[in-house]
Amino acid sequence: MCRGKNVCSELGTNPNNWDLNSPLPTPNWFVDQIDIFEAAVNEFIAGDKEFYKSVEDNAGNKLLDMIYEIIRNSYSSAFHLITK
């Protein structure tokens, strides 16, 4: 959403206006898409090797971008811990 940009359109340019507890507001699309994400996570936990298909078939691009960021950040954190 804001990665690689000088100014995040979601936050604005004045840090005094940022909410210290939740800097980014919940996007409008999130409410509908979180059920798709939750279903995929539950399928993964249950061992369904094709869990990703429900996301690919039903999720919007913004949810897919969010999932990619979560996976990428999780992998980066784990890799950093493992290689210390």
PDB file of N, CA and C in Angstrom:
ATOM      1  N   MET A   1       0.826  -1.184   0.000  1.00  0.00           N
ATOM      2  CA  MET A   1       0.000   0.000   0.000  1.00  0.00           C
ATOM      3  C   MET A   1       0.873   1.252   0.000  1.00  0.00           C
ATOM      4  N   CYS A   2       1.884   1.279   0.857  1.00  0.00           N
ATOM      5  CA  CYS A   2       2.726   2.468   0.952  1.00  0.00           C
ATOM      6  C   CYS A   2       4.190   2.154   0.696  1.00  0.00           C
ATOM      7  N   ARG A   3       4.511   0.885   0.546  1.00  0.00           N
ATOM      8  CA  ARG A   3       5.905   0.465   0.368  1.00  0.00           C
ATOM      9  C   ARG A   3       6.502   1.104  -0.880  1.00  0.00           C
ATOM     10  N   GLY A   4       7.706   1.630  -0.730  1.00  0.00           N
ATOM     11  CA  GLY A   4       8.425   2.196  -1.855  1.00  0.00           C
ATOM     12  C   GLY A   4       7.982   3.596  -2.259  1.00  0.00           C
ATOM     13  N   LYS A   5       7.123   4.219  -1.484  1.00  0.00           N
ATOM     14  CA  LYS A   5       6.653   5.561  -1.807  1.00  0.00           C
ATOM     15  C   LYS A   5       7.202   6.542  -0.777  1.00  0.00           C
ATOM     16  N   ASN A   6       7.422   7.768  -1.202  1.00  0.00           N
ATOM     17  CA  ASN A   6       7.895   8.793  -0.275  1.00  0.00           C
ATOM     18  C   ASN A   6       6.804   9.224   0.698  1.00  0.00           C
ATOM     19  N   VAL A   7       5.563   9.242   0.234  1.00  0.00           N
ATOM     20  CA  VAL A   7       4.431   9.621   1.070  1.00  0.00           C
ATOM     21  C   VAL A   7       3.357   8.557   0.924  1.00  0.00           C
ATOM     22  N   CYS A   8       2.850   8.064   2.038  1.00  0.00           N
ATOM     23  CA  CYS A   8       1.785   7.074   2.022  1.00  0.00           C
ATOM     24  C   CYS A   8       0.442   7.791   1.931  1.00  0.00           C
ATOM     25  N   SER A   9      -0.277   7.539   0.855  1.00  0.00           N
ATOM     26  CA  SER A   9      -1.560   8.224   0.662  1.00  0.00           C
ATOM     27  C   SER A   9      -2.555   7.885   1.770  1.00  0.00           C
ATOM     28  N   GLU A  10      -2.394   6.731   2.385  1.00  0.00           N
ATOM     29  CA  GLU A  10      -3.313   6.324   3.447  1.00  0.00           C
ATOM     30  C   GLU A  10      -3.053   7.081   4.748  1.00  0.00           C
ATOM     31  N   LEU A  11      -1.833   7.540   4.953  1.00  0.00           N
ATOM     32  CA  LEU A  11      -1.481   8.216   6.199  1.00  0.00           C
ATOM     33  C   LEU A  11      -1.464   9.730   6.091  1.00  0.00           C
ATOM     34  N   GLY A  12      -1.135  10.232   4.926  1.00  0.00           N
ATOM     35  CA  GLY A  12      -0.969  11.674   4.798  1.00  0.00           C
ATOM     36  C   GLY A  12       0.446  12.060   5.171  1.00  0.00           C
ATOM     37  N   THR A  13       0.731  13.346   5.125  1.00  0.00           N
ATOM     38  CA  THR A  13       2.108  13.804   5.334  1.00  0.00           C
ATOM     39  C   THR A  13       2.382  14.329   6.743  1.00  0.00           C
ATOM     40  N   ASN A  14       1.356  14.530   7.545  1.00  0.00           N
ATOM     41  CA  ASN A  14       1.547  15.103   8.877  1.00  0.00           C
ATOM     42  C   ASN A  14       1.475  14.006   9.945  1.00  0.00           C
ATOM     43  N   PRO A  15       2.610  13.631  10.530  1.00  0.00           N
ATOM     44  CA  PRO A  15       2.625  12.578  11.549  1.00  0.00           C
ATOM     45  C   PRO A  15       1.780  12.895  12.777  1.00  0.00           C
ATOM     46  N   ASN A  16       1.529  14.188  13.026  1.00  0.00           N
ATOM     47  CA  ASN A  16       0.696  14.560  14.179  1.00  0.00           C
ATOM     48  C   ASN A  16      -0.740  14.081  14.020  1.00  0.00           C
ATOM     49  N   ASN A  17      -1.155  13.798  12.794  1.00  0.00           N
ATOM     50  CA  ASN A  17      -2.515  13.326  12.545  1.00  0.00           C
ATOM     51  C   ASN A  17      -2.633  11.807  12.567  1.00  0.00           C
ATOM     52  N   TRP A  18      -1.523  11.096  12.713  1.00  0.00           N
ATOM     53  CA  TRP A  18      -1.540   9.632  12.691  1.00  0.00           C
ATOM     54  C   TRP A  18      -2.020   9.081  14.021  1.00  0.00           C
ATOM     55  N   ASP A  19      -2.844   8.070  13.960  1.00  0.00           N
ATOM     56  CA  ASP A  19      -3.315   7.359  15.149  1.00  0.00           C
ATOM     57  C   ASP A  19      -2.169   6.474  15.632  1.00  0.00           C
ATOM     58  N   LEU A  20      -1.733   6.644  16.855  1.00  0.00           N
ATOM     59  CA  LEU A  20      -0.589   5.892  17.370  1.00  0.00           C
ATOM     60  C   LEU A  20      -0.890   4.415  17.575  1.00  0.00           C
ATOM     61  N   ASN A  21      -2.155   4.051  17.744  1.00  0.00           N
ATOM     62  CA  ASN A  21      -2.524   2.658  17.981  1.00  0.00           C
ATOM     63  C   ASN A  21      -2.852   1.905  16.705  1.00  0.00           C
ATOM     64  N   SER A  22      -3.361   2.587  15.729  1.00  0.00           N
ATOM     65  CA  SER A  22      -3.743   1.950  14.473  1.00  0.00           C
ATOM     66  C   SER A  22      -3.536   2.944  13.345  1.00  0.00           C
ATOM     67  N   PRO A  23      -2.315   3.026  12.833  1.00  0.00           N
ATOM     68  CA  PRO A  23      -2.013   4.078  11.874  1.00  0.00           C
ATOM     69  C   PRO A  23      -2.780   3.991  10.565  1.00  0.00           C
ATOM     70  N   LEU A  24      -3.134   2.806  10.125  1.00  0.00           N
ATOM     71  CA  LEU A  24      -3.868   2.690   8.868  1.00  0.00           C
ATOM     72  C   LEU A  24      -5.314   2.290   9.136  1.00  0.00           C
ATOM     73  N   PRO A  25      -6.260   3.020   8.588  1.00  0.00           N
ATOM     74  CA  PRO A  25      -7.658   2.638   8.766  1.00  0.00           C
ATOM     75  C   PRO A  25      -7.932   1.323   8.033  1.00  0.00           C
ATOM     76  N   THR A  26      -8.907   0.580   8.525  1.00  0.00           N
ATOM     77  CA  THR A  26      -9.299  -0.663   7.862  1.00  0.00           C
ATOM     78  C   THR A  26      -9.904  -0.321   6.515  1.00  0.00           C
ATOM     79  N   PRO A  27      -9.351  -0.876   5.431  1.00  0.00           N
ATOM     80  CA  PRO A  27      -9.892  -0.557   4.106  1.00  0.00           C
ATOM     81  C   PRO A  27     -11.300  -1.116   3.920  1.00  0.00           C
ATOM     82  N   ASN A  28     -12.088  -0.486   3.065  1.00  0.00           N
ATOM     83  CA  ASN A  28     -13.474  -0.895   2.834  1.00  0.00           C
ATOM     84  C   ASN A  28     -13.585  -2.341   2.374  1.00  0.00           C
ATOM     85  N   TRP A  29     -12.673  -2.798   1.548  1.00  0.00           N
ATOM     86  CA  TRP A  29     -12.746  -4.138   0.981  1.00  0.00           C
ATOM     87  C   TRP A  29     -12.433  -5.221   1.992  1.00  0.00           C
ATOM     88  N   PHE A  30     -11.824  -4.871   3.113  1.00  0.00           N
ATOM     89  CA  PHE A  30     -11.321  -5.850   4.069  1.00  0.00           C
ATOM     90  C   PHE A  30     -12.413  -6.703   4.687  1.00  0.00           C
ATOM     91  N   VAL A  31     -13.537  -6.112   5.030  1.00  0.00           N
ATOM     92  CA  VAL A  31     -14.615  -6.832   5.717  1.00  0.00           C
ATOM     93  C   VAL A  31     -15.100  -8.022   4.883  1.00  0.00           C
ATOM     94  N   ASP A  32     -15.310  -7.803   3.598  1.00  0.00           N
ATOM     95  CA  ASP A  32     -15.780  -8.888   2.736  1.00  0.00           C
ATOM     96  C   ASP A  32     -14.690  -9.919   2.463  1.00  0.00           C
ATOM     97  N   GLN A  33     -13.467  -9.482   2.358  1.00  0.00           N
ATOM     98  CA  GLN A  33     -12.379 -10.370   1.963  1.00  0.00           C
ATOM     99  C   GLN A  33     -11.789 -11.178   3.114  1.00  0.00           C
ATOM    100  N   ILE A  34     -11.953 -10.718   4.351  1.00  0.00           N
ATOM    101  CA  ILE A  34     -11.338 -11.429   5.475  1.00  0.00           C
ATOM    102  C   ILE A  34     -11.922 -12.831   5.629  1.00  0.00           C
ATOM    103  N   ASP A  35     -13.173 -13.026   5.270  1.00  0.00           N
ATOM    104  CA  ASP A  35     -13.769 -14.363   5.341  1.00  0.00           C
ATOM    105  C   ASP A  35     -13.077 -15.326   4.380  1.00  0.00           C
ATOM    106  N   ILE A  36     -12.698 -14.838   3.214  1.00  0.00           N
ATOM    107  CA  ILE A  36     -11.985 -15.664   2.237  1.00  0.00           C
ATOM    108  C   ILE A  36     -10.613 -16.040   2.791  1.00  0.00           C
ATOM    109  N   PHE A  37      -9.931 -15.083   3.380  1.00  0.00           N
ATOM    110  CA  PHE A  37      -8.621 -15.329   3.958  1.00  0.00           C
ATOM    111  C   PHE A  37      -8.717 -16.328   5.110  1.00  0.00           C
ATOM    112  N   GLU A  38      -9.706 -16.139   5.979  1.00  0.00           N
ATOM    113  CA  GLU A  38      -9.885 -17.036   7.120  1.00  0.00           C
ATOM    114  C   GLU A  38     -10.170 -18.463   6.655  1.00  0.00           C
ATOM    115  N   ALA A  39     -11.011 -18.610   5.640  1.00  0.00           N
ATOM    116  CA  ALA A  39     -11.322 -19.938   5.113  1.00  0.00           C
ATOM    117  C   ALA A  39     -10.068 -20.617   4.576  1.00  0.00           C
ATOM    118  N   ALA A  40      -9.234 -19.871   3.876  1.00  0.00           N
ATOM    119  CA  ALA A  40      -7.996 -20.431   3.330  1.00  0.00           C
ATOM    120  C   ALA A  40      -7.051 -20.866   4.452  1.00  0.00           C
ATOM    121  N   VAL A  41      -6.947 -20.049   5.495  1.00  0.00           N
ATOM    122  CA  VAL A  41      -6.087 -20.402   6.630  1.00  0.00           C
ATOM    123  C   VAL A  41      -6.599 -21.684   7.288  1.00  0.00           C
ATOM    124  N   ASN A  42      -7.904 -21.782   7.473  1.00  0.00           N
ATOM    125  CA  ASN A  42      -8.481 -22.985   8.084  1.00  0.00           C
ATOM    126  C   ASN A  42      -8.259 -24.219   7.211  1.00  0.00           C
ATOM    127  N   GLU A  43      -8.367 -24.058   5.906  1.00  0.00           N
ATOM    128  CA  GLU A  43      -8.101 -25.168   4.986  1.00  0.00           C
ATOM    129  C   GLU A  43      -6.636 -25.593   5.087  1.00  0.00           C
ATOM    130  N   PHE A  44      -5.738 -24.627   5.182  1.00  0.00           N
ATOM    131  CA  PHE A  44      -4.317 -24.921   5.327  1.00  0.00           C
ATOM    132  C   PHE A  44      -4.049 -25.691   6.618  1.00  0.00           C
ATOM    133  N   ILE A  45      -4.643 -25.219   7.712  1.00  0.00           N
ATOM    134  CA  ILE A  45      -4.461 -25.873   9.012  1.00  0.00           C
ATOM    135  C   ILE A  45      -4.983 -27.310   8.967  1.00  0.00           C
ATOM    136  N   ALA A  46      -6.074 -27.525   8.251  1.00  0.00           N
ATOM    137  CA  ALA A  46      -6.675 -28.861   8.143  1.00  0.00           C
ATOM    138  C   ALA A  46      -5.881 -29.775   7.208  1.00  0.00           C
ATOM    139  N   GLY A  47      -4.840 -29.234   6.556  1.00  0.00           N
ATOM    140  CA  GLY A  47      -4.001 -30.054   5.700  1.00  0.00           C
ATOM    141  C   GLY A  47      -4.400 -30.067   4.245  1.00  0.00           C
ATOM    142  N   ASP A  48      -5.318 -29.208   3.860  1.00  0.00           N
ATOM    143  CA  ASP A  48      -5.736 -29.143   2.460  1.00  0.00           C
ATOM    144  C   ASP A  48      -4.611 -28.517   1.640  1.00  0.00           C
ATOM    145  N   LYS A  49      -3.991 -29.323   0.790  1.00  0.00           N
ATOM    146  CA  LYS A  49      -2.852 -28.847   0.008  1.00  0.00           C
ATOM    147  C   LYS A  49      -3.257 -27.869  -1.094  1.00  0.00           C
ATOM    148  N   GLU A  50      -4.529 -27.736  -1.334  1.00  0.00           N
ATOM    149  CA  GLU A  50      -5.005 -26.829  -2.380  1.00  0.00           C
ATOM    150  C   GLU A  50      -5.745 -25.627  -1.776  1.00  0.00           C
ATOM    151  N   PHE A  51      -5.406 -25.290  -0.527  1.00  0.00           N
ATOM    152  CA  PHE A  51      -6.070 -24.202   0.185  1.00  0.00           C
ATOM    153  C   PHE A  51      -6.006 -22.887  -0.588  1.00  0.00           C
ATOM    154  N   TYR A  52      -4.929 -22.674  -1.301  1.00  0.00           N
ATOM    155  CA  TYR A  52      -4.709 -21.417  -2.008  1.00  0.00           C
ATOM    156  C   TYR A  52      -5.719 -21.186  -3.126  1.00  0.00           C
ATOM    157  N   LYS A  53      -6.347 -22.280  -3.614  1.00  0.00           N
ATOM    158  CA  LYS A  53      -7.288 -22.122  -4.728  1.00  0.00           C
ATOM    159  C   LYS A  53      -8.508 -21.290  -4.339  1.00  0.00           C
ATOM    160  N   SER A  54      -8.982 -21.428  -3.094  1.00  0.00           N
ATOM    161  CA  SER A  54     -10.146 -20.626  -2.691  1.00  0.00           C
ATOM    162  C   SER A  54      -9.791 -19.141  -2.672  1.00  0.00           C
ATOM    163  N   VAL A  55      -8.546 -18.841  -2.335  1.00  0.00           N
ATOM    164  CA  VAL A  55      -8.111 -17.444  -2.358  1.00  0.00           C
ATOM    165  C   VAL A  55      -7.969 -16.976  -3.799  1.00  0.00           C
ATOM    166  N   GLU A  56      -7.295 -17.770  -4.614  1.00  0.00           N
ATOM    167  CA  GLU A  56      -7.096 -17.380  -6.015  1.00  0.00           C
ATOM    168  C   GLU A  56      -8.422 -17.174  -6.736  1.00  0.00           C
ATOM    169  N   ASP A  57      -9.393 -18.033  -6.442  1.00  0.00           N
ATOM    170  CA  ASP A  57     -10.677 -17.982  -7.138  1.00  0.00           C
ATOM    171  C   ASP A  57     -11.598 -16.876  -6.637  1.00  0.00           C
ATOM    172  N   ASN A  58     -11.438 -16.475  -5.370  1.00  0.00           N
ATOM    173  CA  ASN A  58     -12.421 -15.577  -4.763  1.00  0.00           C
ATOM    174  C   ASN A  58     -11.898 -14.236  -4.275  1.00  0.00           C
ATOM    175  N   ALA A  59     -10.613 -14.144  -4.077  1.00  0.00           N
ATOM    176  CA  ALA A  59     -10.073 -12.927  -3.466  1.00  0.00           C
ATOM    177  C   ALA A  59      -9.839 -11.836  -4.493  1.00  0.00           C
ATOM    178  N   GLY A  60      -9.950 -10.617  -4.030  1.00  0.00           N
ATOM    179  CA  GLY A  60      -9.612  -9.468  -4.857  1.00  0.00           C
ATOM    180  C   GLY A  60      -8.113  -9.244  -4.849  1.00  0.00           C
ATOM    181  N   ASN A  61      -7.634  -8.417  -5.748  1.00  0.00           N
ATOM    182  CA  ASN A  61      -6.198  -8.149  -5.851  1.00  0.00           C
ATOM    183  C   ASN A  61      -5.616  -7.543  -4.581  1.00  0.00           C
ATOM    184  N   LYS A  62      -6.383  -6.727  -3.893  1.00  0.00           N
ATOM    185  CA  LYS A  62      -5.857  -6.094  -2.686  1.00  0.00           C
ATOM    186  C   LYS A  62      -5.620  -7.130  -1.590  1.00  0.00           C
ATOM    187  N   LEU A  63      -6.518  -8.120  -1.465  1.00  0.00           N
ATOM    188  CA  LEU A  63      -6.302  -9.179  -0.486  1.00  0.00           C
ATOM    189  C   LEU A  63      -5.087 -10.004  -0.878  1.00  0.00           C
ATOM    190  N   LEU A  64      -4.953 -10.312  -2.154  1.00  0.00           N
ATOM    191  CA  LEU A  64      -3.793 -11.082  -2.608  1.00  0.00           C
ATOM    192  C   LEU A  64      -2.500 -10.318  -2.317  1.00  0.00           C
ATOM    193  N   ASP A  65      -2.510  -9.012  -2.524  1.00  0.00           N
ATOM    194  CA  ASP A  65      -1.337  -8.191  -2.201  1.00  0.00           C
ATOM    195  C   ASP A  65      -1.032  -8.242  -0.704  1.00  0.00           C
ATOM    196  N   MET A  66      -2.087  -8.181   0.126  1.00  0.00           N
ATOM    197  CA  MET A  66      -1.905  -8.220   1.568  1.00  0.00           C
ATOM    198  C   MET A  66      -1.318  -9.566   1.989  1.00  0.00           C
ATOM    199  N   ILE A  67      -1.843 -10.655   1.427  1.00  0.00           N
ATOM    200  CA  ILE A  67      -1.340 -11.986   1.765  1.00  0.00           C
ATOM    201  C   ILE A  67       0.126 -12.108   1.354  1.00  0.00           C
ATOM    202  N   TYR A  68       0.454 -11.614   0.173  1.00  0.00           N
ATOM    203  CA  TYR A  68       1.835 -11.656  -0.290  1.00  0.00           C
ATOM    204  C   TYR A  68       2.746 -10.923   0.693  1.00  0.00           C
ATOM    205  N   GLU A  69       2.319  -9.759   1.152  1.00  0.00           N
ATOM    206  CA  GLU A  69       3.131  -8.983   2.095  1.00  0.00           C
ATOM    207  C   GLU A  69       3.308  -9.740   3.411  1.00  0.00           C
ATOM    208  N   ILE A  70       2.234 -10.379   3.891  1.00  0.00           N
ATOM    209  CA  ILE A  70       2.318 -11.150   5.141  1.00  0.00           C
ATOM    210  C   ILE A  70       3.319 -12.290   4.983  1.00  0.00           C
ATOM    211  N   ILE A  71       3.207 -13.019   3.884  1.00  0.00           N
ATOM    212  CA  ILE A  71       4.109 -14.149   3.647  1.00  0.00           C
ATOM    213  C   ILE A  71       5.542 -13.656   3.503  1.00  0.00           C
ATOM    214  N   ARG A  72       5.744 -12.618   2.730  1.00  0.00           N
ATOM    215  CA  ARG A  72       7.092 -12.098   2.500  1.00  0.00           C
ATOM    216  C   ARG A  72       7.724 -11.612   3.800  1.00  0.00           C
ATOM    217  N   ASN A  73       6.956 -10.872   4.594  1.00  0.00           N
ATOM    218  CA  ASN A  73       7.485 -10.365   5.853  1.00  0.00           C
ATOM    219  C   ASN A  73       7.741 -11.490   6.842  1.00  0.00           C
ATOM    220  N   SER A  74       6.855 -12.487   6.867  1.00  0.00           N
ATOM    221  CA  SER A  74       7.043 -13.629   7.767  1.00  0.00           C
ATOM    222  C   SER A  74       8.286 -14.409   7.383  1.00  0.00           C
ATOM    223  N   TYR A  75       8.464 -14.633   6.093  1.00  0.00           N
ATOM    224  CA  TYR A  75       9.636 -15.359   5.618  1.00  0.00           C
ATOM    225  C   TYR A  75      10.906 -14.586   5.945  1.00  0.00           C
ATOM    226  N   SER A  76      10.883 -13.279   5.706  1.00  0.00           N
ATOM    227  CA  SER A  76      12.066 -12.456   5.996  1.00  0.00           C
ATOM    228  C   SER A  76      12.424 -12.514   7.470  1.00  0.00           C
ATOM    229  N   SER A  77      11.422 -12.432   8.331  1.00  0.00           N
ATOM    230  CA  SER A  77      11.666 -12.489   9.778  1.00  0.00           C
ATOM    231  C   SER A  77      12.213 -13.843  10.186  1.00  0.00           C
ATOM    232  N   ALA A  78      11.611 -14.904   9.667  1.00  0.00           N
ATOM    233  CA  ALA A  78      12.073 -16.253  10.014  1.00  0.00           C
ATOM    234  C   ALA A  78      13.488 -16.485   9.499  1.00  0.00           C
ATOM    235  N   PHE A  79      13.763 -16.059   8.278  1.00  0.00           N
ATOM    236  CA  PHE A  79      15.094 -16.238   7.684  1.00  0.00           C
ATOM    237  C   PHE A  79      16.132 -15.505   8.518  1.00  0.00           C
ATOM    238  N   HIS A  80      15.786 -14.302   8.945  1.00  0.00           N
ATOM    239  CA  HIS A  80      16.716 -13.509   9.771  1.00  0.00           C
ATOM    240  C   HIS A  80      17.013 -14.222  11.092  1.00  0.00           C
ATOM    241  N   LEU A  81      16.001 -14.804  11.714  1.00  0.00           N
ATOM    242  CA  LEU A  81      16.199 -15.515  12.986  1.00  0.00           C
ATOM    243  C   LEU A  81      17.012 -16.785  12.793  1.00  0.00           C
ATOM    244  N   ILE A  82      16.763 -17.491  11.709  1.00  0.00           N
ATOM    245  CA  ILE A  82      17.440 -18.754  11.454  1.00  0.00           C
ATOM    246  C   ILE A  82      18.916 -18.537  11.140  1.00  0.00           C
ATOM    247  N   THR A  83      19.228 -17.459  10.438  1.00  0.00           N
ATOM    248  CA  THR A  83      20.601 -17.248   9.995  1.00  0.00           C
ATOM    249  C   THR A  83      21.459 -16.439  10.957  1.00  0.00           C
ATOM    250  N   LYS A  84      20.943 -16.155  12.135  1.00  0.00           N
ATOM    251  CA  LYS A  84      21.735 -15.410  13.136  1.00  0.00           C
ATOM    252  C   LYS A  84      22.862 -16.252  13.630  1.00  0.00           C
TER     253      LYS A  84
END
